[in-house]
Amino acid sequence: MYDNMLDSAIEWLIVIVVILVLFGSAKKVPELARNVGRATGEFKRGQMEIEQELRKAMNSNNTAQTASQGVDYISVAKTMGIETEGKSIDELKAEIQEKLKNAQ
């Protein structure tokens, strides 16, 4: 048991010496650790943002419908002030066309 602890302590000592040799002094080690912590935090934030975007895309019921047609008629209709609840894409197309005709 003591042999394992001694081996572990020696390994840690070697790691610390290598870090000090590579980075010059003991003053730079905390700075390095801080930068690694910041980078890890940024990575995790970016990962969470990507996961949120993927969830939004997957939860959208109408994304698959409109993507295959090339035009997001739901967004267009909402932008034009047309109610989209319970309407099919064909109904939305007709209302968009009607509103465009009346606007001219």
PDB file of N, CA and C in Angstrom:
ATOM      1  N   MET A   1       0.824  -1.185   0.000  1.00  0.00           N
ATOM      2  CA  MET A   1       0.000   0.000   0.000  1.00  0.00           C
ATOM      3  C   MET A   1       0.868   1.249   0.000  1.00  0.00           C
ATOM      4  N   TYR A   2       1.910   1.244   0.822  1.00  0.00           N
ATOM      5  CA  TYR A   2       2.801   2.407   0.880  1.00  0.00           C
ATOM      6  C   TYR A   2       3.605   2.549  -0.407  1.00  0.00           C
ATOM      7  N   ASP A   3       3.853   1.428  -1.067  1.00  0.00           N
ATOM      8  CA  ASP A   3       4.582   1.477  -2.332  1.00  0.00           C
ATOM      9  C   ASP A   3       3.768   2.217  -3.388  1.00  0.00           C
ATOM     10  N   ASN A   4       2.451   1.971  -3.409  1.00  0.00           N
ATOM     11  CA  ASN A   4       1.576   2.648  -4.371  1.00  0.00           C
ATOM     12  C   ASN A   4       1.528   4.147  -4.103  1.00  0.00           C
ATOM     13  N   MET A   5       1.450   4.537  -2.838  1.00  0.00           N
ATOM     14  CA  MET A   5       1.413   5.956  -2.496  1.00  0.00           C
ATOM     15  C   MET A   5       2.725   6.627  -2.861  1.00  0.00           C
ATOM     16  N   LEU A   6       3.839   5.940  -2.628  1.00  0.00           N
ATOM     17  CA  LEU A   6       5.149   6.481  -2.951  1.00  0.00           C
ATOM     18  C   LEU A   6       5.291   6.636  -4.466  1.00  0.00           C
ATOM     19  N   ASP A   7       4.846   5.617  -5.194  1.00  0.00           N
ATOM     20  CA  ASP A   7       4.896   5.684  -6.658  1.00  0.00           C
ATOM     21  C   ASP A   7       4.037   6.839  -7.169  1.00  0.00           C
ATOM     22  N   SER A   8       2.863   6.993  -6.578  1.00  0.00           N
ATOM     23  CA  SER A   8       1.967   8.066  -6.985  1.00  0.00           C
ATOM     24  C   SER A   8       2.583   9.434  -6.700  1.00  0.00           C
ATOM     25  N   ALA A   9       3.204   9.591  -5.531  1.00  0.00           N
ATOM     26  CA  ALA A   9       3.842  10.858  -5.178  1.00  0.00           C
ATOM     27  C   ALA A   9       5.000  11.166  -6.114  1.00  0.00           C
ATOM     28  N   ILE A  10       5.760  10.154  -6.448  1.00  0.00           N
ATOM     29  CA  ILE A  10       6.888  10.354  -7.371  1.00  0.00           C
ATOM     30  C   ILE A  10       6.367  10.750  -8.752  1.00  0.00           C
ATOM     31  N   GLU A  11       5.316  10.113  -9.194  1.00  0.00           N
ATOM     32  CA  GLU A  11       4.739  10.463 -10.504  1.00  0.00           C
ATOM     33  C   GLU A  11       4.261  11.909 -10.519  1.00  0.00           C
ATOM     34  N   TRP A  12       3.589  12.345  -9.454  1.00  0.00           N
ATOM     35  CA  TRP A  12       3.130  13.738  -9.376  1.00  0.00           C
ATOM     36  C   TRP A  12       4.312  14.699  -9.361  1.00  0.00           C
ATOM     37  N   LEU A  13       5.359  14.353  -8.667  1.00  0.00           N
ATOM     38  CA  LEU A  13       6.547  15.194  -8.606  1.00  0.00           C
ATOM     39  C   LEU A  13       7.166  15.337  -9.995  1.00  0.00           C
ATOM     40  N   ILE A  14       7.205  14.235 -10.724  1.00  0.00           N
ATOM     41  CA  ILE A  14       7.751  14.276 -12.086  1.00  0.00           C
ATOM     42  C   ILE A  14       6.877  15.153 -12.977  1.00  0.00           C
ATOM     43  N   VAL A  15       5.574  15.025 -12.853  1.00  0.00           N
ATOM     44  CA  VAL A  15       4.661  15.839 -13.665  1.00  0.00           C
ATOM     45  C   VAL A  15       4.857  17.317 -13.352  1.00  0.00           C
ATOM     46  N   ILE A  16       4.975  17.658 -12.089  1.00  0.00           N
ATOM     47  CA  ILE A  16       5.171  19.062 -11.699  1.00  0.00           C
ATOM     48  C   ILE A  16       6.490  19.596 -12.229  1.00  0.00           C
ATOM     49  N   VAL A  17       7.543  18.804 -12.143  1.00  0.00           N
ATOM     50  CA  VAL A  17       8.853  19.231 -12.654  1.00  0.00           C
ATOM     51  C   VAL A  17       8.787  19.450 -14.160  1.00  0.00           C
ATOM     52  N   VAL A  18       8.126  18.551 -14.871  1.00  0.00           N
ATOM     53  CA  VAL A  18       8.014  18.700 -16.332  1.00  0.00           C
ATOM     54  C   VAL A  18       7.237  19.972 -16.662  1.00  0.00           C
ATOM     55  N   ILE A  19       6.150  20.239 -15.942  1.00  0.00           N
ATOM     56  CA  ILE A  19       5.376  21.460 -16.186  1.00  0.00           C
ATOM     57  C   ILE A  19       6.227  22.694 -15.934  1.00  0.00           C
ATOM     58  N   LEU A  20       6.976  22.693 -14.847  1.00  0.00           N
ATOM     59  CA  LEU A  20       7.832  23.843 -14.547  1.00  0.00           C
ATOM     60  C   LEU A  20       8.901  24.043 -15.605  1.00  0.00           C
ATOM     61  N   VAL A  21       9.465  22.958 -16.105  1.00  0.00           N
ATOM     62  CA  VAL A  21      10.487  23.063 -17.141  1.00  0.00           C
ATOM     63  C   VAL A  21       9.878  23.590 -18.432  1.00  0.00           C
ATOM     64  N   LEU A  22       8.706  23.084 -18.799  1.00  0.00           N
ATOM     65  CA  LEU A  22       8.077  23.505 -20.050  1.00  0.00           C
ATOM     66  C   LEU A  22       7.604  24.954 -20.020  1.00  0.00           C
ATOM     67  N   PHE A  23       7.080  25.396 -18.911  1.00  0.00           N
ATOM     68  CA  PHE A  23       6.485  26.716 -18.857  1.00  0.00           C
ATOM     69  C   PHE A  23       7.334  27.740 -18.121  1.00  0.00           C
ATOM     70  N   GLY A  24       8.541  27.398 -17.751  1.00  0.00           N
ATOM     71  CA  GLY A  24       9.480  28.387 -17.256  1.00  0.00           C
ATOM     72  C   GLY A  24       9.505  28.609 -15.765  1.00  0.00           C
ATOM     73  N   SER A  25       8.406  28.896 -15.159  1.00  0.00           N
ATOM     74  CA  SER A  25       8.455  29.200 -13.727  1.00  0.00           C
ATOM     75  C   SER A  25       7.138  28.826 -13.067  1.00  0.00           C
ATOM     76  N   ALA A  26       7.164  28.849 -11.755  1.00  0.00           N
ATOM     77  CA  ALA A  26       5.959  28.515 -10.997  1.00  0.00           C
ATOM     78  C   ALA A  26       4.894  29.593 -11.145  1.00  0.00           C
ATOM     79  N   LYS A  27       5.282  30.805 -11.538  1.00  0.00           N
ATOM     80  CA  LYS A  27       4.315  31.896 -11.714  1.00  0.00           C
ATOM     81  C   LYS A  27       3.404  31.664 -12.915  1.00  0.00           C
ATOM     82  N   LYS A  28       3.920  30.979 -13.913  1.00  0.00           N
ATOM     83  CA  LYS A  28       3.123  30.762 -15.121  1.00  0.00           C
ATOM     84  C   LYS A  28       2.158  29.595 -14.992  1.00  0.00           C
ATOM     85  N   VAL A  29       2.389  28.695 -14.061  1.00  0.00           N
ATOM     86  CA  VAL A  29       1.519  27.533 -13.909  1.00  0.00           C
ATOM     87  C   VAL A  29       0.098  27.939 -13.516  1.00  0.00           C
ATOM     88  N   PRO A  30      -0.102  28.828 -12.519  1.00  0.00           N
ATOM     89  CA  PRO A  30      -1.477  29.244 -12.213  1.00  0.00           C
ATOM     90  C   PRO A  30      -2.154  29.956 -13.387  1.00  0.00           C
ATOM     91  N   GLU A  31      -1.376  30.716 -14.118  1.00  0.00           N
ATOM     92  CA  GLU A  31      -1.930  31.395 -15.303  1.00  0.00           C
ATOM     93  C   GLU A  31      -2.363  30.372 -16.341  1.00  0.00           C
ATOM     94  N   LEU A  32      -1.553  29.362 -16.525  1.00  0.00           N
ATOM     95  CA  LEU A  32      -1.899  28.289 -17.459  1.00  0.00           C
ATOM     96  C   LEU A  32      -3.173  27.581 -17.003  1.00  0.00           C
ATOM     97  N   ALA A  33      -3.253  27.275 -15.714  1.00  0.00           N
ATOM     98  CA  ALA A  33      -4.437  26.604 -15.178  1.00  0.00           C
ATOM     99  C   ALA A  33      -5.685  27.478 -15.353  1.00  0.00           C
ATOM    100  N   ARG A  34      -5.552  28.775 -15.136  1.00  0.00           N
ATOM    101  CA  ARG A  34      -6.678  29.704 -15.309  1.00  0.00           C
ATOM    102  C   ARG A  34      -7.129  29.724 -16.770  1.00  0.00           C
ATOM    103  N   ASN A  35      -6.174  29.769 -17.683  1.00  0.00           N
ATOM    104  CA  ASN A  35      -6.524  29.787 -19.106  1.00  0.00           C
ATOM    105  C   ASN A  35      -7.190  28.487 -19.538  1.00  0.00           C
ATOM    106  N   VAL A  36      -6.726  27.371 -18.987  1.00  0.00           N
ATOM    107  CA  VAL A  36      -7.354  26.086 -19.308  1.00  0.00           C
ATOM    108  C   VAL A  36      -8.782  26.074 -18.769  1.00  0.00           C
ATOM    109  N   GLY A  37      -8.973  26.614 -17.569  1.00  0.00           N
ATOM    110  CA  GLY A  37     -10.323  26.691 -16.994  1.00  0.00           C
ATOM    111  C   GLY A  37     -11.247  27.555 -17.833  1.00  0.00           C
ATOM    112  N   ARG A  38     -10.742  28.688 -18.283  1.00  0.00           N
ATOM    113  CA  ARG A  38     -11.559  29.575 -19.140  1.00  0.00           C
ATOM    114  C   ARG A  38     -11.912  28.896 -20.451  1.00  0.00           C
ATOM    115  N   ALA A  39     -10.921  28.236 -21.044  1.00  0.00           N
ATOM    116  CA  ALA A  39     -11.164  27.551 -22.316  1.00  0.00           C
ATOM    117  C   ALA A  39     -12.198  26.447 -22.140  1.00  0.00           C
ATOM    118  N   THR A  40     -12.117  25.739 -21.032  1.00  0.00           N
ATOM    119  CA  THR A  40     -13.087  24.682 -20.760  1.00  0.00           C
ATOM    120  C   THR A  40     -14.481  25.268 -20.603  1.00  0.00           C
ATOM    121  N   GLY A  41     -14.582  26.387 -19.893  1.00  0.00           N
ATOM    122  CA  GLY A  41     -15.876  27.045 -19.723  1.00  0.00           C
ATOM    123  C   GLY A  41     -16.457  27.505 -21.048  1.00  0.00           C
ATOM    124  N   GLU A  42     -15.633  28.104 -21.898  1.00  0.00           N
ATOM    125  CA  GLU A  42     -16.090  28.545 -23.221  1.00  0.00           C
ATOM    126  C   GLU A  42     -16.558  27.359 -24.057  1.00  0.00           C
ATOM    127  N   PHE A  43     -15.807  26.274 -23.988  1.00  0.00           N
ATOM    128  CA  PHE A  43     -16.174  25.079 -24.742  1.00  0.00           C
ATOM    129  C   PHE A  43     -17.536  24.558 -24.286  1.00  0.00           C
ATOM    130  N   LYS A  44     -17.730  24.484 -22.962  1.00  0.00           N
ATOM    131  CA  LYS A  44     -19.004  23.991 -22.433  1.00  0.00           C
ATOM    132  C   LYS A  44     -20.158  24.912 -22.813  1.00  0.00           C
ATOM    133  N   ARG A  45     -19.937  26.235 -22.780  1.00  0.00           N
ATOM    134  CA  ARG A  45     -20.991  27.180 -23.185  1.00  0.00           C
ATOM    135  C   ARG A  45     -21.348  26.995 -24.651  1.00  0.00           C
ATOM    136  N   GLY A  46     -20.334  26.851 -25.483  1.00  0.00           N
ATOM    137  CA  GLY A  46     -20.587  26.627 -26.903  1.00  0.00           C
ATOM    138  C   GLY A  46     -21.328  25.332 -27.149  1.00  0.00           C
ATOM    139  N   GLN A  47     -20.953  24.305 -26.420  1.00  0.00           N
ATOM    140  CA  GLN A  47     -21.615  23.019 -26.550  1.00  0.00           C
ATOM    141  C   GLN A  47     -23.082  23.123 -26.146  1.00  0.00           C
ATOM    142  N   MET A  48     -23.361  23.836 -25.057  1.00  0.00           N
ATOM    143  CA  MET A  48     -24.745  24.008 -24.604  1.00  0.00           C
ATOM    144  C   MET A  48     -25.558  24.792 -25.624  1.00  0.00           C
ATOM    145  N   GLU A  49     -24.963  25.819 -26.229  1.00  0.00           N
ATOM    146  CA  GLU A  49     -25.674  26.607 -27.245  1.00  0.00           C
ATOM    147  C   GLU A  49     -26.029  25.742 -28.448  1.00  0.00           C
ATOM    148  N   ILE A  50     -25.096  24.919 -28.871  1.00  0.00           N
ATOM    149  CA  ILE A  50     -25.353  24.041 -30.019  1.00  0.00           C
ATOM    150  C   ILE A  50     -26.458  23.047 -29.680  1.00  0.00           C
ATOM    151  N   GLU A  51     -26.414  22.485 -28.462  1.00  0.00           N
ATOM    152  CA  GLU A  51     -27.461  21.551 -28.058  1.00  0.00           C
ATOM    153  C   GLU A  51     -28.821  22.233 -28.031  1.00  0.00           C
ATOM    154  N   GLN A  52     -28.885  23.471 -27.558  1.00  0.00           N
ATOM    155  CA  GLN A  52     -30.159  24.198 -27.527  1.00  0.00           C
ATOM    156  C   GLN A  52     -30.681  24.431 -28.940  1.00  0.00           C
ATOM    157  N   GLU A  53     -29.792  24.808 -29.848  1.00  0.00           N
ATOM    158  CA  GLU A  53     -30.209  25.027 -31.232  1.00  0.00           C
ATOM    159  C   GLU A  53     -30.725  23.737 -31.859  1.00  0.00           C
ATOM    160  N   LEU A  54     -30.056  22.631 -31.576  1.00  0.00           N
ATOM    161  CA  LEU A  54     -30.504  21.356 -32.119  1.00  0.00           C
ATOM    162  C   LEU A  54     -31.866  20.966 -31.544  1.00  0.00           C
ATOM    163  N   ARG A  55     -32.062  21.206 -30.250  1.00  0.00           N
ATOM    164  CA  ARG A  55     -33.368  20.902 -29.644  1.00  0.00           C
ATOM    165  C   ARG A  55     -34.468  21.740 -30.274  1.00  0.00           C
ATOM    166  N   LYS A  56     -34.185  23.032 -30.499  1.00  0.00           N
ATOM    167  CA  LYS A  56     -35.185  23.903 -31.118  1.00  0.00           C
ATOM    168  C   LYS A  56     -35.552  23.381 -32.510  1.00  0.00           C
ATOM    169  N   ALA A  57     -34.532  23.000 -33.262  1.00  0.00           N
ATOM    170  CA  ALA A  57     -34.775  22.519 -34.622  1.00  0.00           C
ATOM    171  C   ALA A  57     -35.563  21.217 -34.621  1.00  0.00           C
ATOM    172  N   MET A  58     -35.257  20.341 -33.671  1.00  0.00           N
ATOM    173  CA  MET A  58     -35.931  19.051 -33.637  1.00  0.00           C
ATOM    174  C   MET A  58     -37.343  19.181 -33.089  1.00  0.00           C
ATOM    175  N   ASN A  59     -37.594  20.147 -32.216  1.00  0.00           N
ATOM    176  CA  ASN A  59     -38.918  20.313 -31.626  1.00  0.00           C
ATOM    177  C   ASN A  59     -39.892  21.040 -32.543  1.00  0.00           C
ATOM    178  N   SER A  60     -39.377  21.691 -33.548  1.00  0.00           N
ATOM    179  CA  SER A  60     -40.248  22.405 -34.462  1.00  0.00           C
ATOM    180  C   SER A  60     -41.028  21.410 -35.322  1.00  0.00           C
ATOM    181  N   ASN A  61     -42.315  21.388 -35.156  1.00  0.00           N
ATOM    182  CA  ASN A  61     -43.150  20.423 -35.879  1.00  0.00           C
ATOM    183  C   ASN A  61     -43.204  20.695 -37.367  1.00  0.00           C
ATOM    184  N   ASN A  62     -43.095  21.943 -37.742  1.00  0.00           N
ATOM    185  CA  ASN A  62     -43.304  22.303 -39.134  1.00  0.00           C
ATOM    186  C   ASN A  62     -42.022  22.426 -39.932  1.00  0.00           C
ATOM    187  N   THR A  63     -40.889  22.255 -39.304  1.00  0.00           N
ATOM    188  CA  THR A  63     -39.615  22.435 -40.003  1.00  0.00           C
ATOM    189  C   THR A  63     -39.456  21.441 -41.131  1.00  0.00           C
ATOM    190  N   ALA A  64     -39.769  20.189 -40.873  1.00  0.00           N
ATOM    191  CA  ALA A  64     -39.597  19.163 -41.899  1.00  0.00           C
ATOM    192  C   ALA A  64     -40.538  19.403 -43.070  1.00  0.00           C
ATOM    193  N   GLN A  65     -41.765  19.828 -42.781  1.00  0.00           N
ATOM    194  CA  GLN A  65     -42.730  20.099 -43.844  1.00  0.00           C
ATOM    195  C   GLN A  65     -42.240  21.198 -44.766  1.00  0.00           C
ATOM    196  N   THR A  66     -41.853  22.309 -44.196  1.00  0.00           N
ATOM    197  CA  THR A  66     -41.498  23.460 -45.015  1.00  0.00           C
ATOM    198  C   THR A  66     -40.127  23.324 -45.637  1.00  0.00           C
ATOM    199  N   ALA A  67     -39.211  22.600 -45.025  1.00  0.00           N
ATOM    200  CA  ALA A  67     -37.870  22.451 -45.582  1.00  0.00           C
ATOM    201  C   ALA A  67     -37.918  21.695 -46.900  1.00  0.00           C
ATOM    202  N   SER A  68     -38.797  20.717 -47.009  1.00  0.00           N
ATOM    203  CA  SER A  68     -38.871  19.945 -48.242  1.00  0.00           C
ATOM    204  C   SER A  68     -39.435  20.793 -49.379  1.00  0.00           C
ATOM    205  N   GLN A  69     -40.177  21.831 -49.059  1.00  0.00           N
ATOM    206  CA  GLN A  69     -40.766  22.674 -50.091  1.00  0.00           C
ATOM    207  C   GLN A  69     -39.883  23.864 -50.425  1.00  0.00           C
ATOM    208  N   GLY A  70     -38.855  24.127 -49.642  1.00  0.00           N
ATOM    209  CA  GLY A  70     -37.914  25.185 -49.953  1.00  0.00           C
ATOM    210  C   GLY A  70     -38.286  26.543 -49.388  1.00  0.00           C
ATOM    211  N   VAL A  71     -39.532  26.766 -49.017  1.00  0.00           N
ATOM    212  CA  VAL A  71     -39.973  28.055 -48.496  1.00  0.00           C
ATOM    213  C   VAL A  71     -40.626  27.820 -47.138  1.00  0.00           C
ATOM    214  N   ASP A  72     -40.291  28.651 -46.186  1.00  0.00           N
ATOM    215  CA  ASP A  72     -40.901  28.544 -44.860  1.00  0.00           C
ATOM    216  C   ASP A  72     -42.155  29.423 -44.854  1.00  0.00           C
ATOM    217  N   TYR A  73     -43.249  28.853 -45.314  1.00  0.00           N
ATOM    218  CA  TYR A  73     -44.496  29.605 -45.445  1.00  0.00           C
ATOM    219  C   TYR A  73     -45.041  30.056 -44.097  1.00  0.00           C
ATOM    220  N   ILE A  74     -44.757  29.299 -43.071  1.00  0.00           N
ATOM    221  CA  ILE A  74     -45.235  29.671 -41.735  1.00  0.00           C
ATOM    222  C   ILE A  74     -44.585  30.975 -41.297  1.00  0.00           C
ATOM    223  N   SER A  75     -43.269  31.087 -41.473  1.00  0.00           N
ATOM    224  CA  SER A  75     -42.578  32.327 -41.099  1.00  0.00           C
ATOM    225  C   SER A  75     -43.042  33.495 -41.953  1.00  0.00           C
ATOM    226  N   VAL A  76     -43.225  33.245 -43.236  1.00  0.00           N
ATOM    227  CA  VAL A  76     -43.692  34.305 -44.136  1.00  0.00           C
ATOM    228  C   VAL A  76     -45.074  34.782 -43.699  1.00  0.00           C
ATOM    229  N   ALA A  77     -45.955  33.828 -43.396  1.00  0.00           N
ATOM    230  CA  ALA A  77     -47.321  34.187 -42.990  1.00  0.00           C
ATOM    231  C   ALA A  77     -47.301  34.973 -41.683  1.00  0.00           C
ATOM    232  N   LYS A  78     -46.505  34.533 -40.731  1.00  0.00           N
ATOM    233  CA  LYS A  78     -46.433  35.244 -39.453  1.00  0.00           C
ATOM    234  C   LYS A  78     -45.896  36.658 -39.656  1.00  0.00           C
ATOM    235  N   THR A  79     -44.917  36.809 -40.536  1.00  0.00           N
ATOM    236  CA  THR A  79     -44.367  38.131 -40.822  1.00  0.00           C
ATOM    237  C   THR A  79     -45.417  39.053 -41.427  1.00  0.00           C
ATOM    238  N   MET A  80     -46.317  38.467 -42.215  1.00  0.00           N
ATOM    239  CA  MET A  80     -47.354  39.258 -42.863  1.00  0.00           C
ATOM    240  C   MET A  80     -48.571  39.457 -41.964  1.00  0.00           C
ATOM    241  N   GLY A  81     -48.547  38.904 -40.765  1.00  0.00           N
ATOM    242  CA  GLY A  81     -49.656  39.067 -39.839  1.00  0.00           C
ATOM    243  C   GLY A  81     -50.799  38.095 -40.052  1.00  0.00           C
ATOM    244  N   ILE A  82     -50.525  36.991 -40.698  1.00  0.00           N
ATOM    245  CA  ILE A  82     -51.542  35.974 -40.965  1.00  0.00           C
ATOM    246  C   ILE A  82     -51.480  34.927 -39.856  1.00  0.00           C
ATOM    247  N   GLU A  83     -52.633  34.568 -39.315  1.00  0.00           N
ATOM    248  CA  GLU A  83     -52.713  33.532 -38.272  1.00  0.00           C
ATOM    249  C   GLU A  83     -52.379  32.178 -38.891  1.00  0.00           C
ATOM    250  N   THR A  84     -51.494  31.401 -38.244  1.00  0.00           N
ATOM    251  CA  THR A  84     -51.031  30.144 -38.815  1.00  0.00           C
ATOM    252  C   THR A  84     -51.561  28.904 -38.098  1.00  0.00           C
ATOM    253  N   GLU A  85     -52.137  29.076 -36.937  1.00  0.00           N
ATOM    254  CA  GLU A  85     -52.604  27.930 -36.148  1.00  0.00           C
ATOM    255  C   GLU A  85     -53.647  27.108 -36.897  1.00  0.00           C
ATOM    256  N   GLY A  86     -53.414  25.800 -36.987  1.00  0.00           N
ATOM    257  CA  GLY A  86     -54.385  24.879 -37.553  1.00  0.00           C
ATOM    258  C   GLY A  86     -54.570  24.966 -39.054  1.00  0.00           C
ATOM    259  N   LYS A  87     -53.691  25.667 -39.743  1.00  0.00           N
ATOM    260  CA  LYS A  87     -53.823  25.818 -41.196  1.00  0.00           C
ATOM    261  C   LYS A  87     -52.765  24.984 -41.899  1.00  0.00           C
ATOM    262  N   SER A  88     -53.136  24.445 -43.034  1.00  0.00           N
ATOM    263  CA  SER A  88     -52.185  23.679 -43.833  1.00  0.00           C
ATOM    264  C   SER A  88     -51.310  24.645 -44.638  1.00  0.00           C
ATOM    265  N   ILE A  89     -50.265  24.100 -45.218  1.00  0.00           N
ATOM    266  CA  ILE A  89     -49.353  24.903 -46.036  1.00  0.00           C
ATOM    267  C   ILE A  89     -50.103  25.485 -47.238  1.00  0.00           C
ATOM    268  N   ASP A  90     -50.991  24.690 -47.820  1.00  0.00           N
ATOM    269  CA  ASP A  90     -51.762  25.177 -48.977  1.00  0.00           C
ATOM    270  C   ASP A  90     -52.662  26.348 -48.590  1.00  0.00           C
ATOM    271  N   GLU A  91     -53.277  26.268 -47.416  1.00  0.00           N
ATOM    272  CA  GLU A  91     -54.123  27.378 -46.951  1.00  0.00           C
ATOM    273  C   GLU A  91     -53.283  28.633 -46.713  1.00  0.00           C
ATOM    274  N   LEU A  92     -52.099  28.426 -46.146  1.00  0.00           N
ATOM    275  CA  LEU A  92     -51.212  29.569 -45.918  1.00  0.00           C
ATOM    276  C   LEU A  92     -50.766  30.196 -47.231  1.00  0.00           C
ATOM    277  N   LYS A  93     -50.446  29.351 -48.212  1.00  0.00           N
ATOM    278  CA  LYS A  93     -50.039  29.866 -49.525  1.00  0.00           C
ATOM    279  C   LYS A  93     -51.153  30.739 -50.120  1.00  0.00           C
ATOM    280  N   ALA A  94     -52.374  30.230 -50.032  1.00  0.00           N
ATOM    281  CA  ALA A  94     -53.511  30.969 -50.599  1.00  0.00           C
ATOM    282  C   ALA A  94     -53.694  32.308 -49.889  1.00  0.00           C
ATOM    283  N   GLU A  95     -53.589  32.325 -48.564  1.00  0.00           N
ATOM    284  CA  GLU A  95     -53.753  33.577 -47.821  1.00  0.00           C
ATOM    285  C   GLU A  95     -52.614  34.553 -48.123  1.00  0.00           C
ATOM    286  N   ILE A  96     -51.399  34.034 -48.269  1.00  0.00           N
ATOM    287  CA  ILE A  96     -50.265  34.904 -48.612  1.00  0.00           C
ATOM    288  C   ILE A  96     -50.482  35.523 -49.987  1.00  0.00           C
ATOM    289  N   GLN A  97     -50.916  34.696 -50.944  1.00  0.00           N
ATOM    290  CA  GLN A  97     -51.168  35.216 -52.291  1.00  0.00           C
ATOM    291  C   GLN A  97     -52.276  36.256 -52.283  1.00  0.00           C
ATOM    292  N   GLU A  98     -53.320  36.006 -51.535  1.00  0.00           N
ATOM    293  CA  GLU A  98     -54.433  36.955 -51.450  1.00  0.00           C
ATOM    294  C   GLU A  98     -53.982  38.273 -50.844  1.00  0.00           C
ATOM    295  N   LYS A  99     -53.186  38.189 -49.794  1.00  0.00           N
ATOM    296  CA  LYS A  99     -52.718  39.409 -49.135  1.00  0.00           C
ATOM    297  C   LYS A  99     -51.781  40.197 -50.059  1.00  0.00           C
ATOM    298  N   LEU A 100     -50.966  39.479 -50.825  1.00  0.00           N
ATOM    299  CA  LEU A 100     -50.070  40.165 -51.779  1.00  0.00           C
ATOM    300  C   LEU A 100     -50.874  40.846 -52.889  1.00  0.00           C
ATOM    301  N   LYS A 101     -51.939  40.197 -53.374  1.00  0.00           N
ATOM    302  CA  LYS A 101     -52.777  40.801 -54.404  1.00  0.00           C
ATOM    303  C   LYS A 101     -53.455  42.065 -53.879  1.00  0.00           C
ATOM    304  N   ASN A 102     -53.959  42.022 -52.663  1.00  0.00           N
ATOM    305  CA  ASN A 102     -54.629  43.181 -52.070  1.00  0.00           C
ATOM    306  C   ASN A 102     -53.677  44.315 -51.786  1.00  0.00           C
ATOM    307  N   ALA A 103     -52.402  44.011 -51.567  1.00  0.00           N
ATOM    308  CA  ALA A 103     -51.417  45.047 -51.270  1.00  0.00           C
ATOM    309  C   ALA A 103     -51.028  45.841 -52.514  1.00  0.00           C
ATOM    310  N   GLN A 104     -51.236  45.262 -53.678  1.00  0.00           N
ATOM    311  CA  GLN A 104     -50.841  45.939 -54.923  1.00  0.00           C
ATOM    312  C   GLN A 104     -51.898  46.878 -55.293  1.00  0.00           C
TER     313      GLN A 104
END
